[in-house]
Amino acid sequence: MNLLNVIQHTSADYLGLLEDHLEGRRIRFRYFRPFTEQGTIPGPTDTCDGLVLLGGGPWGSAGGRDVPTLQGEIALTRNMLDQGRPVLGIGLGAQILAVAAGGASEPAPLSFEAGYATRLQDDALGGFLPERFPHVTYMRDRPQPPADATILAVDEKDRPAAFQVGSNALGFCGHPGFKTAMAEDLIMEFEEAPEDPAPQLERLQVMAREIEDALVPIMTGIIKVTGLMRIRRRIPLSLKS
């Protein structure tokens, strides 16, 4: 069974619907919660088969309200990329992936949007990314993927919605397994919240079944690109040259 290290930045933003898909494929995952009193991020010697960086609610990466562990996570992600290990970044995680891969993040206000993204590449995610799919973001700031990244999809404002770095690293601005309860919990967890979230919550509730259905091919594509179903011999990163 392969093992993912998952960095969670808030209690409300977790893997969501992705958990069932990973468990169904016998891919284990363990959460790291640096925002808790005894929490930390994975170290360079922690064995794993891949890294997932989750969203951060009102936390960003462009200088306005940076997540406290930003620099450590950028270094860890760069280490994973250098070792050729798969990385999946979602929301804030996509920003961290972009920076670690040589891109950047740009300031943007905290926003909550429930819309759709459109595929740009027919072979995106090994051909499994739907032509049009739900795109739900709850995020401050935005990633600027590096020049050598492949933009897989754009949102309704023609901004990057999904991108690929190298052969096995993926960034999603929207959470492909987002649940309505996650948005509700994020709004309650922090004093800062997006302006007038009620219409987006209503739209998200209507989109719930579409999100579940679209996640089936999206997860198939994520697994294909990252190679997380392959059996691999785990070696601590510190022992890799």
Protein backbone atom coordinates (compact mmCIF):
# COMPACT_ATOMS: atom_id res chain seq x y z
CA MET A 1 0.00 0.00 0.00
CA ASN A 2 1.39 3.39 -0.97
CA LEU A 3 1.39 6.24 1.55
CA LEU A 4 0.66 9.93 1.06
CA ASN A 5 1.70 12.71 3.42
CA VAL A 6 -1.10 15.30 3.49
CA ILE A 7 -0.52 18.79 4.87
CA GLN A 8 -3.72 20.32 6.22
CA HIS A 9 -3.77 24.08 6.88
CA THR A 10 -7.14 24.41 8.60
CA SER A 11 -9.39 21.92 10.35
CA ALA A 12 -12.19 22.52 7.84
CA ASP A 13 -10.22 22.01 4.62
CA TYR A 14 -9.31 18.34 4.21
CA LEU A 15 -9.27 15.73 1.42
CA GLY A 16 -13.07 15.64 1.36
CA LEU A 17 -14.44 13.30 -1.29
CA LEU A 18 -10.91 12.30 -2.28
CA GLU A 19 -10.63 10.18 0.87
CA ASP A 20 -13.02 7.49 -0.36
CA HIS A 21 -11.30 7.30 -3.75
CA LEU A 22 -7.88 6.87 -2.15
CA GLU A 23 -9.13 4.28 0.32
CA GLY A 24 -10.85 2.39 -2.50
CA ARG A 25 -7.49 2.13 -4.24
CA ARG A 26 -5.72 1.05 -1.04
CA ILE A 27 -3.67 4.24 -0.94
CA ARG A 28 -3.07 5.25 2.65
CA PHE A 29 -2.77 8.86 3.79
CA ARG A 30 -1.76 10.58 6.99
CA TYR A 31 -2.57 14.16 7.87
CA PHE A 32 -0.02 16.65 9.17
CA ARG A 33 -1.68 19.57 10.98
CA PRO A 34 0.91 22.31 11.66
CA PHE A 35 -1.80 24.72 12.85
CA THR A 36 -2.36 22.62 16.00
CA GLU A 37 -0.32 23.08 19.18
CA GLN A 38 1.92 20.05 18.62
CA GLY A 39 1.51 19.93 14.84
CA THR A 40 4.30 20.08 12.30
CA ILE A 41 4.97 19.52 8.61
CA PRO A 42 6.70 16.36 7.34
CA GLY A 43 10.46 16.33 7.55
CA PRO A 44 12.82 15.54 4.65
CA THR A 45 13.53 12.10 6.12
CA ASP A 46 9.87 11.05 6.46
CA THR A 47 9.17 8.16 4.13
CA CYS A 48 6.22 8.54 1.79
CA ASP A 49 5.15 7.89 -1.78
CA GLY A 50 3.77 11.36 -2.47
CA LEU A 51 2.77 14.71 -0.98
CA VAL A 52 -0.60 16.47 -0.93
CA LEU A 53 -0.82 20.18 -0.03
CA LEU A 54 -4.36 21.26 0.83
CA GLY A 55 -6.15 24.61 0.84
CA GLY A 56 -5.75 27.24 3.50
CA GLY A 57 -9.04 29.10 3.79
CA PRO A 58 -8.01 32.75 4.40
CA TRP A 59 -4.30 31.86 4.49
CA GLY A 60 -2.32 32.77 1.38
CA SER A 61 1.22 32.86 0.03
CA ALA A 62 1.72 36.28 -1.64
CA GLY A 63 2.59 38.37 1.41
CA GLY A 64 -0.80 39.60 2.62
CA ARG A 65 -1.59 36.80 5.05
CA ASP A 66 0.90 34.01 4.49
CA VAL A 67 0.37 30.62 6.08
CA PRO A 68 2.97 30.43 8.93
CA THR A 69 4.67 27.29 7.55
CA LEU A 70 4.97 28.67 4.00
CA GLN A 71 8.76 28.63 3.64
CA GLY A 72 9.10 25.17 5.13
CA GLU A 73 6.42 23.80 2.81
CA ILE A 74 8.04 25.40 -0.25
CA ALA A 75 11.35 23.77 0.68
CA LEU A 76 9.70 20.40 1.28
CA THR A 77 7.81 20.58 -2.02
CA ARG A 78 10.96 21.54 -3.92
CA ASN A 79 12.69 18.55 -2.32
CA MET A 80 9.89 16.25 -3.43
CA LEU A 81 10.05 17.61 -6.99
CA ASP A 82 13.83 17.18 -7.07
CA GLN A 83 13.40 13.56 -6.02
CA GLY A 84 10.79 12.95 -8.72
CA ARG A 85 8.07 12.16 -6.19
CA PRO A 86 4.44 13.00 -6.98
CA VAL A 87 2.91 16.19 -5.58
CA LEU A 88 -0.73 17.26 -5.59
CA GLY A 89 -1.46 20.87 -4.64
CA ILE A 90 -5.00 22.15 -4.04
CA GLY A 91 -5.90 25.81 -3.49
CA LEU A 92 -3.13 27.23 -1.31
CA GLY A 93 -1.30 23.99 -2.06
CA ALA A 94 -1.33 24.82 -5.77
CA GLN A 95 0.28 28.17 -4.94
CA ILE A 96 3.01 26.44 -2.94
CA LEU A 97 3.60 23.97 -5.77
CA ALA A 98 3.87 26.81 -8.30
CA VAL A 99 6.43 28.68 -6.18
CA ALA A 100 8.46 25.55 -5.45
CA ALA A 101 8.56 24.70 -9.16
CA GLY A 102 9.94 28.10 -10.14
CA GLY A 103 6.72 30.07 -10.59
CA ALA A 104 5.13 32.49 -8.16
CA SER A 105 1.92 33.47 -6.42
CA GLU A 106 0.06 36.73 -6.92
CA PRO A 107 -1.99 38.68 -4.38
CA ALA A 108 -5.75 38.28 -4.57
CA PRO A 109 -8.49 38.87 -1.98
CA LEU A 110 -10.13 35.98 -0.20
CA SER A 111 -12.90 34.67 -2.42
CA PHE A 112 -15.40 31.82 -2.56
CA GLU A 113 -16.48 30.81 -6.05
CA ALA A 114 -18.55 27.87 -7.26
CA GLY A 115 -18.35 27.62 -11.04
CA TYR A 116 -16.89 25.52 -13.82
CA ALA A 117 -13.53 24.99 -15.49
CA THR A 118 -12.83 24.11 -19.10
CA ARG A 119 -10.17 21.67 -20.28
CA LEU A 120 -7.49 23.03 -22.61
CA GLN A 121 -5.60 19.84 -23.41
CA ASP A 122 -7.40 16.77 -24.80
CA ASP A 123 -4.85 14.51 -23.12
CA ALA A 124 -5.02 16.31 -19.75
CA LEU A 125 -4.72 13.85 -16.86
CA GLY A 126 -3.98 11.10 -19.33
CA GLY A 127 -7.18 11.94 -21.21
CA PHE A 128 -9.42 11.60 -18.13
CA LEU A 129 -10.01 15.28 -17.30
CA PRO A 130 -13.60 16.12 -18.31
CA GLU A 131 -14.05 18.79 -20.97
CA ARG A 132 -16.06 20.85 -18.43
CA PHE A 133 -16.08 20.17 -14.71
CA PRO A 134 -17.10 21.83 -11.40
CA HIS A 135 -14.53 24.27 -10.07
CA VAL A 136 -14.96 25.35 -6.44
CA THR A 137 -12.42 27.67 -4.84
CA TYR A 138 -12.18 29.07 -1.33
CA MET A 139 -8.84 30.83 -1.47
CA ARG A 140 -6.71 33.91 -0.94
CA ASP A 141 -4.06 34.71 -3.60
CA ARG A 142 -3.52 32.75 -6.81
CA PRO A 143 -0.74 30.60 -8.29
CA GLN A 144 1.37 31.70 -11.21
CA PRO A 145 2.61 28.40 -12.66
CA PRO A 146 6.17 28.36 -14.01
CA ALA A 147 6.74 28.91 -17.71
CA ASP A 148 7.39 25.23 -18.33
CA ALA A 149 4.15 24.11 -16.65
CA THR A 150 1.26 22.82 -18.76
CA ILE A 151 -2.04 24.58 -18.14
CA LEU A 152 -4.64 21.81 -18.21
CA ALA A 153 -7.79 23.88 -17.63
CA VAL A 154 -8.97 27.45 -17.09
CA ASP A 155 -11.81 28.87 -15.03
CA GLU A 156 -14.65 31.12 -16.20
CA LYS A 157 -12.31 34.14 -16.08
CA ASP A 158 -9.65 32.37 -18.20
CA ARG A 159 -7.34 31.98 -15.21
CA PRO A 160 -5.41 28.71 -14.70
CA ALA A 161 -7.65 26.22 -12.92
CA ALA A 162 -5.43 23.14 -13.18
CA PHE A 163 -1.81 22.73 -14.22
CA GLN A 164 0.89 20.10 -14.42
CA VAL A 165 4.55 20.48 -13.49
CA GLY A 166 6.92 17.87 -14.85
CA SER A 167 5.63 14.36 -15.25
CA ASN A 168 3.85 13.79 -11.94
CA ALA A 169 3.01 17.03 -10.09
CA LEU A 170 -0.46 18.59 -10.34
CA GLY A 171 -2.00 21.83 -9.12
CA PHE A 172 -5.75 22.47 -8.78
CA CYS A 173 -6.97 25.93 -7.80
CA GLY A 174 -10.34 24.40 -6.98
CA HIS A 175 -10.83 21.42 -4.69
CA PRO A 176 -12.04 18.52 -6.89
CA GLY A 177 -13.56 16.79 -3.85
CA PHE A 178 -15.09 19.83 -2.16
CA LYS A 179 -18.09 19.40 0.14
CA THR A 180 -20.65 22.05 1.08
CA ALA A 181 -19.92 21.44 4.76
CA MET A 182 -16.29 22.38 4.19
CA ALA A 183 -17.26 25.88 3.04
CA GLU A 184 -19.69 26.27 5.93
CA ASP A 185 -16.99 25.21 8.42
CA LEU A 186 -14.40 27.55 6.87
CA ILE A 187 -16.81 30.48 7.21
CA MET A 188 -17.38 29.64 10.88
CA GLU A 189 -13.75 28.77 11.68
CA PHE A 190 -12.29 32.20 10.89
CA GLU A 191 -13.34 35.77 11.63
CA GLU A 192 -12.48 36.69 8.05
CA ALA A 193 -14.91 35.36 5.46
CA PRO A 194 -15.75 36.10 1.80
CA GLU A 195 -18.34 38.78 1.22
CA ASP A 196 -21.91 37.45 0.93
CA PRO A 197 -21.17 33.71 0.68
CA ALA A 198 -24.85 32.65 0.70
CA PRO A 199 -25.36 32.59 -3.10
CA GLN A 200 -22.23 30.48 -3.58
CA LEU A 201 -23.30 28.07 -0.85
CA GLU A 202 -26.65 27.62 -2.58
CA ARG A 203 -24.97 27.05 -5.92
CA LEU A 204 -22.55 24.59 -4.34
CA GLN A 205 -25.42 22.55 -2.92
CA VAL A 206 -26.94 22.27 -6.39
CA MET A 207 -23.57 21.19 -7.82
CA ALA A 208 -22.93 18.46 -5.22
CA ARG A 209 -23.86 15.54 -7.47
CA GLU A 210 -21.88 17.00 -10.40
CA ILE A 211 -18.81 17.25 -8.17
CA GLU A 212 -19.15 13.61 -7.15
CA ASP A 213 -19.61 12.44 -10.75
CA ALA A 214 -16.74 14.52 -12.16
CA LEU A 215 -14.39 13.29 -9.45
CA VAL A 216 -14.55 9.72 -10.79
CA PRO A 217 -12.61 10.44 -14.01
CA ILE A 218 -10.55 13.19 -12.36
CA MET A 219 -9.26 10.80 -9.71
CA THR A 220 -8.54 8.19 -12.36
CA GLY A 221 -6.44 10.80 -14.16
CA ILE A 222 -4.69 11.96 -10.98
CA ILE A 223 -3.72 8.39 -10.15
CA LYS A 224 -2.52 7.81 -13.71
CA VAL A 225 -0.35 10.94 -13.82
CA THR A 226 1.09 10.58 -10.31
CA GLY A 227 1.59 6.82 -10.57
CA LEU A 228 0.32 6.31 -7.04
CA MET A 229 -0.95 2.80 -7.80
CA ARG A 230 2.55 1.59 -8.65
CA ILE A 231 4.33 -0.47 -6.06
CA ARG A 232 7.53 1.29 -5.10
CA ARG A 233 10.29 0.73 -2.58
CA ARG A 234 10.23 3.60 -0.11
CA ILE A 235 13.56 5.23 0.63
CA PRO A 236 13.92 8.11 3.09
CA LEU A 237 14.52 11.32 1.16
CA SER A 238 17.72 11.95 3.11
CA LEU A 239 19.24 8.76 1.67
CA LYS A 240 18.51 9.69 -1.94
CA SER A 241 21.36 11.31 -3.85
